[in-house]
């Protein structure tokens, strides 16, 4: 018989924290963005899986993540171009 671990209630504050981690990721030791899956996040934050998936779907986290990634990539590209032009001078 397996023991279930108690789940935390998904408060607005916790939901926002998990959403930010899912959409924007976290920086690792090398300064790179690491994006987590919803499965990793519900385990990490000990919330109910179904509740987290429902919140993510309702608030459209997947589209927000894709939009954030596009904007982040554009920012990185602009910084690389700027650095290359500075180096070539």
PDB file of N, CA and C in Angstrom:
ATOM      1  N   UNK A   1       0.834  -1.172   0.000  1.00  0.00           N
ATOM      2  CA  UNK A   1       0.000   0.000   0.000  1.00  0.00           C
ATOM      3  C   UNK A   1       0.886   1.245   0.000  1.00  0.00           C
ATOM      4  N   UNK A   2       0.634   2.141  -0.923  1.00  0.00           N
ATOM      5  CA  UNK A   2       1.451   3.343  -1.009  1.00  0.00           C
ATOM      6  C   UNK A   2       0.791   4.487  -0.243  1.00  0.00           C
ATOM      7  N   UNK A   3       1.614   5.283   0.356  1.00  0.00           N
ATOM      8  CA  UNK A   3       1.109   6.444   1.081  1.00  0.00           C
ATOM      9  C   UNK A   3       1.113   7.628   0.139  1.00  0.00           C
ATOM     10  N   UNK A   4       0.009   8.345   0.118  1.00  0.00           N
ATOM     11  CA  UNK A   4      -0.070   9.547  -0.692  1.00  0.00           C
ATOM     12  C   UNK A   4       0.504  10.718   0.093  1.00  0.00           C
ATOM     13  N   UNK A   5       1.260  11.547  -0.607  1.00  0.00           N
ATOM     14  CA  UNK A   5       1.781  12.736   0.054  1.00  0.00           C
ATOM     15  C   UNK A   5       0.697  13.803   0.024  1.00  0.00           C
ATOM     16  N   UNK A   6       0.559  14.540   1.104  1.00  0.00           N
ATOM     17  CA  UNK A   6      -0.461  15.587   1.117  1.00  0.00           C
ATOM     18  C   UNK A   6      -0.147  16.653   0.079  1.00  0.00           C
ATOM     19  N   UNK A   7      -1.176  17.125  -0.572  1.00  0.00           N
ATOM     20  CA  UNK A   7      -1.021  18.143  -1.613  1.00  0.00           C
ATOM     21  C   UNK A   7      -1.300  19.521  -1.031  1.00  0.00           C
ATOM     22  N   UNK A   8      -0.564  20.497  -1.541  1.00  0.00           N
ATOM     23  CA  UNK A   8      -0.796  21.874  -1.138  1.00  0.00           C
ATOM     24  C   UNK A   8      -1.984  22.426  -1.926  1.00  0.00           C
ATOM     25  N   UNK A   9      -2.648  23.376  -1.343  1.00  0.00           N
ATOM     26  CA  UNK A   9      -3.732  24.076  -2.037  1.00  0.00           C
ATOM     27  C   UNK A   9      -3.092  25.047  -3.022  1.00  0.00           C
ATOM     28  N   UNK A  10      -3.629  25.111  -4.220  1.00  0.00           N
ATOM     29  CA  UNK A  10      -3.094  25.995  -5.258  1.00  0.00           C
ATOM     30  C   UNK A  10      -3.650  27.401  -5.037  1.00  0.00           C
ATOM     31  N   UNK A  11      -2.961  28.167  -4.215  1.00  0.00           N
ATOM     32  CA  UNK A  11      -3.366  29.545  -3.942  1.00  0.00           C
ATOM     33  C   UNK A  11      -2.988  30.415  -5.126  1.00  0.00           C
ATOM     34  N   UNK A  12      -3.506  31.626  -5.155  1.00  0.00           N
ATOM     35  CA  UNK A  12      -3.181  32.554  -6.247  1.00  0.00           C
ATOM     36  C   UNK A  12      -1.683  32.844  -6.297  1.00  0.00           C
ATOM     37  N   UNK A  13      -1.070  32.992  -5.132  1.00  0.00           N
ATOM     38  CA  UNK A  13       0.366  33.276  -5.069  1.00  0.00           C
ATOM     39  C   UNK A  13       1.181  32.104  -5.600  1.00  0.00           C
ATOM     40  N   UNK A  14       0.844  30.894  -5.175  1.00  0.00           N
ATOM     41  CA  UNK A  14       1.548  29.706  -5.636  1.00  0.00           C
ATOM     42  C   UNK A  14       1.315  29.490  -7.128  1.00  0.00           C
ATOM     43  N   UNK A  15       0.097  29.718  -7.567  1.00  0.00           N
ATOM     44  CA  UNK A  15      -0.248  29.570  -8.985  1.00  0.00           C
ATOM     45  C   UNK A  15       0.592  30.532  -9.835  1.00  0.00           C
ATOM     46  N   UNK A  16       0.734  31.771  -9.396  1.00  0.00           N
ATOM     47  CA  UNK A  16       1.531  32.758 -10.124  1.00  0.00           C
ATOM     48  C   UNK A  16       3.000  32.359 -10.151  1.00  0.00           C
ATOM     49  N   UNK A  17       3.495  31.859  -9.045  1.00  0.00           N
ATOM     50  CA  UNK A  17       4.889  31.415  -8.971  1.00  0.00           C
ATOM     51  C   UNK A  17       5.143  30.254  -9.944  1.00  0.00           C
ATOM     52  N   UNK A  18       4.248  29.269  -9.937  1.00  0.00           N
ATOM     53  CA  UNK A  18       4.402  28.120 -10.836  1.00  0.00           C
ATOM     54  C   UNK A  18       4.255  28.565 -12.290  1.00  0.00           C
ATOM     55  N   UNK A  19       3.310  29.453 -12.550  1.00  0.00           N
ATOM     56  CA  UNK A  19       3.108  29.968 -13.907  1.00  0.00           C
ATOM     57  C   UNK A  19       4.371  30.660 -14.418  1.00  0.00           C
ATOM     58  N   UNK A  20       4.965  31.501 -13.588  1.00  0.00           N
ATOM     59  CA  UNK A  20       6.182  32.206 -13.999  1.00  0.00           C
ATOM     60  C   UNK A  20       7.317  31.228 -14.278  1.00  0.00           C
ATOM     61  N   UNK A  21       7.417  30.206 -13.456  1.00  0.00           N
ATOM     62  CA  UNK A  21       8.460  29.200 -13.662  1.00  0.00           C
ATOM     63  C   UNK A  21       8.213  28.413 -14.948  1.00  0.00           C
ATOM     64  N   UNK A  22       6.953  28.137 -15.257  1.00  0.00           N
ATOM     65  CA  UNK A  22       6.616  27.413 -16.483  1.00  0.00           C
ATOM     66  C   UNK A  22       6.825  28.290 -17.718  1.00  0.00           C
ATOM     67  N   UNK A  23       6.340  29.508 -17.675  1.00  0.00           N
ATOM     68  CA  UNK A  23       6.396  30.396 -18.842  1.00  0.00           C
ATOM     69  C   UNK A  23       7.802  30.933 -19.070  1.00  0.00           C
ATOM     70  N   UNK A  24       8.442  31.454 -18.027  1.00  0.00           N
ATOM     71  CA  UNK A  24       9.722  32.132 -18.175  1.00  0.00           C
ATOM     72  C   UNK A  24      10.918  31.254 -17.865  1.00  0.00           C
ATOM     73  N   UNK A  25      10.711  30.150 -17.188  1.00  0.00           N
ATOM     74  CA  UNK A  25      11.815  29.274 -16.823  1.00  0.00           C
ATOM     75  C   UNK A  25      12.629  29.865 -15.689  1.00  0.00           C
ATOM     76  N   UNK A  26      13.710  29.159 -15.360  1.00  0.00           N
ATOM     77  CA  UNK A  26      14.626  29.641 -14.330  1.00  0.00           C
ATOM     78  C   UNK A  26      16.037  29.598 -14.912  1.00  0.00           C
ATOM     79  N   UNK A  27      16.908  30.444 -14.395  1.00  0.00           N
ATOM     80  CA  UNK A  27      18.288  30.480 -14.867  1.00  0.00           C
ATOM     81  C   UNK A  27      19.099  29.424 -14.118  1.00  0.00           C
ATOM     82  N   UNK A  28      19.884  28.637 -14.864  1.00  0.00           N
ATOM     83  CA  UNK A  28      20.748  27.643 -14.223  1.00  0.00           C
ATOM     84  C   UNK A  28      22.103  28.263 -13.908  1.00  0.00           C
ATOM     85  N   UNK A  29      23.062  27.435 -13.466  1.00  0.00           N
ATOM     86  CA  UNK A  29      24.376  27.937 -13.062  1.00  0.00           C
ATOM     87  C   UNK A  29      25.125  28.619 -14.202  1.00  0.00           C
ATOM     88  N   UNK A  30      24.887  28.186 -15.433  1.00  0.00           N
ATOM     89  CA  UNK A  30      25.570  28.766 -16.593  1.00  0.00           C
ATOM     90  C   UNK A  30      24.852  30.012 -17.118  1.00  0.00           C
ATOM     91  N   UNK A  31      23.749  30.398 -16.493  1.00  0.00           N
ATOM     92  CA  UNK A  31      23.012  31.574 -16.923  1.00  0.00           C
ATOM     93  C   UNK A  31      22.040  31.281 -18.058  1.00  0.00           C
ATOM     94  N   UNK A  32      21.776  30.015 -18.333  1.00  0.00           N
ATOM     95  CA  UNK A  32      20.849  29.639 -19.388  1.00  0.00           C
ATOM     96  C   UNK A  32      19.463  29.407 -18.809  1.00  0.00           C
ATOM     97  N   UNK A  33      18.434  29.695 -19.599  1.00  0.00           N
ATOM     98  CA  UNK A  33      17.058  29.467 -19.171  1.00  0.00           C
ATOM     99  C   UNK A  33      16.746  27.980 -19.229  1.00  0.00           C
ATOM    100  N   UNK A  34      16.164  27.466 -18.167  1.00  0.00           N
ATOM    101  CA  UNK A  34      15.725  26.075 -18.122  1.00  0.00           C
ATOM    102  C   UNK A  34      14.210  26.093 -17.944  1.00  0.00           C
ATOM    103  N   UNK A  35      13.512  25.460 -18.883  1.00  0.00           N
ATOM    104  CA  UNK A  35      12.058  25.412 -18.823  1.00  0.00           C
ATOM    105  C   UNK A  35      11.620  24.076 -18.247  1.00  0.00           C
ATOM    106  N   UNK A  36      10.680  24.131 -17.328  1.00  0.00           N
ATOM    107  CA  UNK A  36      10.171  22.924 -16.693  1.00  0.00           C
ATOM    108  C   UNK A  36       8.838  22.529 -17.312  1.00  0.00           C
ATOM    109  N   UNK A  37       8.536  21.247 -17.254  1.00  0.00           N
ATOM    110  CA  UNK A  37       7.240  20.761 -17.701  1.00  0.00           C
ATOM    111  C   UNK A  37       6.253  20.884 -16.549  1.00  0.00           C
ATOM    112  N   UNK A  38       4.964  20.793 -16.865  1.00  0.00           N
ATOM    113  CA  UNK A  38       3.955  20.830 -15.812  1.00  0.00           C
ATOM    114  C   UNK A  38       4.108  19.640 -14.878  1.00  0.00           C
ATOM    115  N   UNK A  39       4.501  18.482 -15.425  1.00  0.00           N
ATOM    116  CA  UNK A  39       4.717  17.310 -14.574  1.00  0.00           C
ATOM    117  C   UNK A  39       5.821  17.562 -13.551  1.00  0.00           C
ATOM    118  N   UNK A  40       6.900  18.178 -13.980  1.00  0.00           N
ATOM    119  CA  UNK A  40       7.993  18.495 -13.045  1.00  0.00           C
ATOM    120  C   UNK A  40       7.534  19.501 -11.991  1.00  0.00           C
ATOM    121  N   UNK A  41       6.723  20.459 -12.421  1.00  0.00           N
ATOM    122  CA  UNK A  41       6.296  21.516 -11.501  1.00  0.00           C
ATOM    123  C   UNK A  41       5.281  21.029 -10.476  1.00  0.00           C
ATOM    124  N   UNK A  42       4.354  20.163 -10.879  1.00  0.00           N
ATOM    125  CA  UNK A  42       3.385  19.712  -9.875  1.00  0.00           C
ATOM    126  C   UNK A  42       4.076  18.833  -8.824  1.00  0.00           C
ATOM    127  N   UNK A  43       5.102  18.096  -9.245  1.00  0.00           N
ATOM    128  CA  UNK A  43       5.854  17.292  -8.274  1.00  0.00           C
ATOM    129  C   UNK A  43       6.686  18.190  -7.360  1.00  0.00           C
ATOM    130  N   UNK A  44       7.342  19.166  -7.949  1.00  0.00           N
ATOM    131  CA  UNK A  44       8.213  20.066  -7.187  1.00  0.00           C
ATOM    132  C   UNK A  44       7.430  20.856  -6.137  1.00  0.00           C
ATOM    133  N   UNK A  45       6.260  21.362  -6.531  1.00  0.00           N
ATOM    134  CA  UNK A  45       5.482  22.227  -5.641  1.00  0.00           C
ATOM    135  C   UNK A  45       4.410  21.468  -4.857  1.00  0.00           C
ATOM    136  N   UNK A  46       4.317  20.148  -5.098  1.00  0.00           N
ATOM    137  CA  UNK A  46       3.407  19.273  -4.358  1.00  0.00           C
ATOM    138  C   UNK A  46       1.958  19.746  -4.409  1.00  0.00           C
ATOM    139  N   UNK A  47       1.496  20.019  -5.623  1.00  0.00           N
ATOM    140  CA  UNK A  47       0.089  20.368  -5.842  1.00  0.00           C
ATOM    141  C   UNK A  47      -0.543  19.252  -6.666  1.00  0.00           C
ATOM    142  N   UNK A  48      -1.849  19.226  -6.681  1.00  0.00           N
ATOM    143  CA  UNK A  48      -2.549  18.199  -7.437  1.00  0.00           C
ATOM    144  C   UNK A  48      -2.312  18.394  -8.939  1.00  0.00           C
ATOM    145  N   UNK A  49      -1.992  17.310  -9.612  1.00  0.00           N
ATOM    146  CA  UNK A  49      -1.676  17.355 -11.039  1.00  0.00           C
ATOM    147  C   UNK A  49      -2.853  17.900 -11.847  1.00  0.00           C
ATOM    148  N   UNK A  50      -4.039  17.370 -11.604  1.00  0.00           N
ATOM    149  CA  UNK A  50      -5.220  17.791 -12.366  1.00  0.00           C
ATOM    150  C   UNK A  50      -5.510  19.274 -12.157  1.00  0.00           C
ATOM    151  N   UNK A  51      -5.345  19.735 -10.940  1.00  0.00           N
ATOM    152  CA  UNK A  51      -5.595  21.147 -10.633  1.00  0.00           C
ATOM    153  C   UNK A  51      -4.623  22.039 -11.394  1.00  0.00           C
ATOM    154  N   UNK A  52      -3.360  21.653 -11.428  1.00  0.00           N
ATOM    155  CA  UNK A  52      -2.355  22.454 -12.129  1.00  0.00           C
ATOM    156  C   UNK A  52      -2.608  22.457 -13.635  1.00  0.00           C
ATOM    157  N   UNK A  53      -2.904  21.300 -14.192  1.00  0.00           N
ATOM    158  CA  UNK A  53      -3.196  21.225 -15.626  1.00  0.00           C
ATOM    159  C   UNK A  53      -4.426  22.051 -15.976  1.00  0.00           C
ATOM    160  N   UNK A  54      -5.443  22.014 -15.135  1.00  0.00           N
ATOM    161  CA  UNK A  54      -6.664  22.785 -15.374  1.00  0.00           C
ATOM    162  C   UNK A  54      -6.359  24.286 -15.368  1.00  0.00           C
ATOM    163  N   UNK A  55      -5.570  24.727 -14.401  1.00  0.00           N
ATOM    164  CA  UNK A  55      -5.216  26.145 -14.303  1.00  0.00           C
ATOM    165  C   UNK A  55      -4.394  26.574 -15.513  1.00  0.00           C
ATOM    166  N   UNK A  56      -3.452  25.727 -15.932  1.00  0.00           N
ATOM    167  CA  UNK A  56      -2.603  26.055 -17.079  1.00  0.00           C
ATOM    168  C   UNK A  56      -3.431  26.164 -18.360  1.00  0.00           C
ATOM    169  N   UNK A  57      -4.379  25.266 -18.517  1.00  0.00           N
ATOM    170  CA  UNK A  57      -5.219  25.295 -19.714  1.00  0.00           C
ATOM    171  C   UNK A  57      -6.144  26.508 -19.698  1.00  0.00           C
ATOM    172  N   UNK A  58      -6.758  26.747 -18.547  1.00  0.00           N
ATOM    173  CA  UNK A  58      -7.697  27.863 -18.415  1.00  0.00           C
ATOM    174  C   UNK A  58      -7.019  29.203 -18.701  1.00  0.00           C
ATOM    175  N   UNK A  59      -5.811  29.379 -18.188  1.00  0.00           N
ATOM    176  CA  UNK A  59      -5.105  30.653 -18.328  1.00  0.00           C
ATOM    177  C   UNK A  59      -4.168  30.702 -19.535  1.00  0.00           C
ATOM    178  N   UNK A  60      -4.163  29.621 -20.328  1.00  0.00           N
ATOM    179  CA  UNK A  60      -3.429  29.589 -21.596  1.00  0.00           C
ATOM    180  C   UNK A  60      -1.920  29.763 -21.418  1.00  0.00           C
ATOM    181  N   UNK A  61      -1.333  29.033 -20.469  1.00  0.00           N
ATOM    182  CA  UNK A  61       0.100  29.139 -20.178  1.00  0.00           C
ATOM    183  C   UNK A  61       0.954  28.728 -21.367  1.00  0.00           C
ATOM    184  N   UNK A  62       0.491  27.761 -22.139  1.00  0.00           N
ATOM    185  CA  UNK A  62       1.290  27.267 -23.262  1.00  0.00           C
ATOM    186  C   UNK A  62       1.534  28.379 -24.287  1.00  0.00           C
ATOM    187  N   UNK A  63       0.494  29.126 -24.630  1.00  0.00           N
ATOM    188  CA  UNK A  63       0.669  30.231 -25.574  1.00  0.00           C
ATOM    189  C   UNK A  63       1.541  31.333 -24.988  1.00  0.00           C
ATOM    190  N   UNK A  64       1.382  31.597 -23.701  1.00  0.00           N
ATOM    191  CA  UNK A  64       2.221  32.603 -23.048  1.00  0.00           C
ATOM    192  C   UNK A  64       3.687  32.185 -23.097  1.00  0.00           C
ATOM    193  N   UNK A  65       3.937  30.898 -22.901  1.00  0.00           N
ATOM    194  CA  UNK A  65       5.307  30.380 -22.931  1.00  0.00           C
ATOM    195  C   UNK A  65       5.908  30.536 -24.322  1.00  0.00           C
ATOM    196  N   UNK A  66       5.137  30.194 -25.347  1.00  0.00           N
ATOM    197  CA  UNK A  66       5.619  30.318 -26.724  1.00  0.00           C
ATOM    198  C   UNK A  66       5.914  31.766 -27.067  1.00  0.00           C
ATOM    199  N   UNK A  67       5.040  32.684 -26.650  1.00  0.00           N
ATOM    200  CA  UNK A  67       5.252  34.109 -26.902  1.00  0.00           C
ATOM    201  C   UNK A  67       6.494  34.599 -26.162  1.00  0.00           C
ATOM    202  N   UNK A  68       6.663  34.197 -24.918  1.00  0.00           N
ATOM    203  CA  UNK A  68       7.836  34.603 -24.147  1.00  0.00           C
ATOM    204  C   UNK A  68       9.113  34.095 -24.808  1.00  0.00           C
ATOM    205  N   UNK A  69       9.100  32.851 -25.281  1.00  0.00           N
ATOM    206  CA  UNK A  69      10.280  32.274 -25.921  1.00  0.00           C
ATOM    207  C   UNK A  69      10.647  33.043 -27.195  1.00  0.00           C
ATOM    208  N   UNK A  70       9.634  33.411 -27.982  1.00  0.00           N
ATOM    209  CA  UNK A  70       9.907  34.200 -29.197  1.00  0.00           C
ATOM    210  C   UNK A  70      10.546  35.532 -28.850  1.00  0.00           C
ATOM    211  N   UNK A  71       9.983  36.228 -27.870  1.00  0.00           N
ATOM    212  CA  UNK A  71      10.518  37.534 -27.474  1.00  0.00           C
ATOM    213  C   UNK A  71      11.921  37.401 -26.886  1.00  0.00           C
ATOM    214  N   UNK A  72      12.137  36.375 -26.093  1.00  0.00           N
ATOM    215  CA  UNK A  72      13.451  36.148 -25.489  1.00  0.00           C
ATOM    216  C   UNK A  72      14.497  35.850 -26.563  1.00  0.00           C
ATOM    217  N   UNK A  73      14.121  35.035 -27.542  1.00  0.00           N
ATOM    218  CA  UNK A  73      15.035  34.706 -28.629  1.00  0.00           C
ATOM    219  C   UNK A  73      15.370  35.944 -29.469  1.00  0.00           C
ATOM    220  N   UNK A  74      14.374  36.787 -29.724  1.00  0.00           N
ATOM    221  CA  UNK A  74      14.615  38.034 -30.455  1.00  0.00           C
ATOM    222  C   UNK A  74      15.573  38.933 -29.684  1.00  0.00           C
ATOM    223  N   UNK A  75      15.402  39.005 -28.368  1.00  0.00           N
ATOM    224  CA  UNK A  75      16.288  39.817 -27.529  1.00  0.00           C
ATOM    225  C   UNK A  75      17.719  39.280 -27.595  1.00  0.00           C
ATOM    226  N   UNK A  76      17.871  37.957 -27.502  1.00  0.00           N
ATOM    227  CA  UNK A  76      19.208  37.357 -27.592  1.00  0.00           C
ATOM    228  C   UNK A  76      19.845  37.622 -28.953  1.00  0.00           C
ATOM    229  N   UNK A  77      19.050  37.511 -30.004  1.00  0.00           N
ATOM    230  CA  UNK A  77      19.563  37.771 -31.351  1.00  0.00           C
ATOM    231  C   UNK A  77      20.033  39.212 -31.489  1.00  0.00           C
ATOM    232  N   UNK A  78      19.269  40.149 -30.961  1.00  0.00           N
ATOM    233  CA  UNK A  78      19.658  41.560 -31.027  1.00  0.00           C
ATOM    234  C   UNK A  78      20.945  41.819 -30.250  1.00  0.00           C
ATOM    235  N   UNK A  79      21.078  41.175 -29.093  1.00  0.00           N
ATOM    236  CA  UNK A  79      22.301  41.338 -28.301  1.00  0.00           C
ATOM    237  C   UNK A  79      23.505  40.754 -29.033  1.00  0.00           C
ATOM    238  N   UNK A  80      23.321  39.613 -29.689  1.00  0.00           N
ATOM    239  CA  UNK A  80      24.422  39.013 -30.450  1.00  0.00           C
ATOM    240  C   UNK A  80      24.842  39.909 -31.602  1.00  0.00           C
ATOM    241  N   UNK A  81      23.881  40.469 -32.296  1.00  0.00           N
ATOM    242  CA  UNK A  81      24.193  41.366 -33.418  1.00  0.00           C
ATOM    243  C   UNK A  81      24.939  42.580 -32.906  1.00  0.00           C
ATOM    244  N   UNK A  82      24.473  43.141 -31.796  1.00  0.00           N
ATOM    245  CA  UNK A  82      25.142  44.305 -31.209  1.00  0.00           C
ATOM    246  C   UNK A  82      26.573  43.967 -30.825  1.00  0.00           C
ATOM    247  N   UNK A  83      26.768  42.814 -30.183  1.00  0.00           N
ATOM    248  CA  UNK A  83      28.126  42.398 -29.768  1.00  0.00           C
ATOM    249  C   UNK A  83      29.016  42.154 -30.972  1.00  0.00           C
ATOM    250  N   UNK A  84      28.494  41.555 -32.013  1.00  0.00           N
ATOM    251  CA  UNK A  84      29.296  41.296 -33.218  1.00  0.00           C
ATOM    252  C   UNK A  84      29.694  42.599 -33.907  1.00  0.00           C
ATOM    253  N   UNK A  85      28.776  43.557 -33.952  1.00  0.00           N
ATOM    254  CA  UNK A  85      29.125  44.833 -34.591  1.00  0.00           C
ATOM    255  C   UNK A  85      30.168  45.583 -33.776  1.00  0.00           C
ATOM    256  N   UNK A  86      30.076  45.484 -32.435  1.00  0.00           N
ATOM    257  CA  UNK A  86      31.069  46.134 -31.572  1.00  0.00           C
ATOM    258  C   UNK A  86      32.448  45.485 -31.774  1.00  0.00           C
ATOM    259  N   UNK A  87      32.463  44.170 -31.872  1.00  0.00           N
ATOM    260  CA  UNK A  87      33.728  43.456 -32.067  1.00  0.00           C
ATOM    261  C   UNK A  87      34.355  43.749 -33.421  1.00  0.00           C
ATOM    262  N   UNK A  88      33.525  43.974 -34.417  1.00  0.00           N
ATOM    263  CA  UNK A  88      34.066  44.195 -35.764  1.00  0.00           C
ATOM    264  C   UNK A  88      34.624  45.613 -35.939  1.00  0.00           C
ATOM    265  N   UNK A  89      34.311  46.519 -35.039  1.00  0.00           N
ATOM    266  CA  UNK A  89      34.788  47.908 -35.146  1.00  0.00           C
ATOM    267  C   UNK A  89      36.212  48.008 -34.799  1.00  0.00           C
TER     268      UNK A  89
END
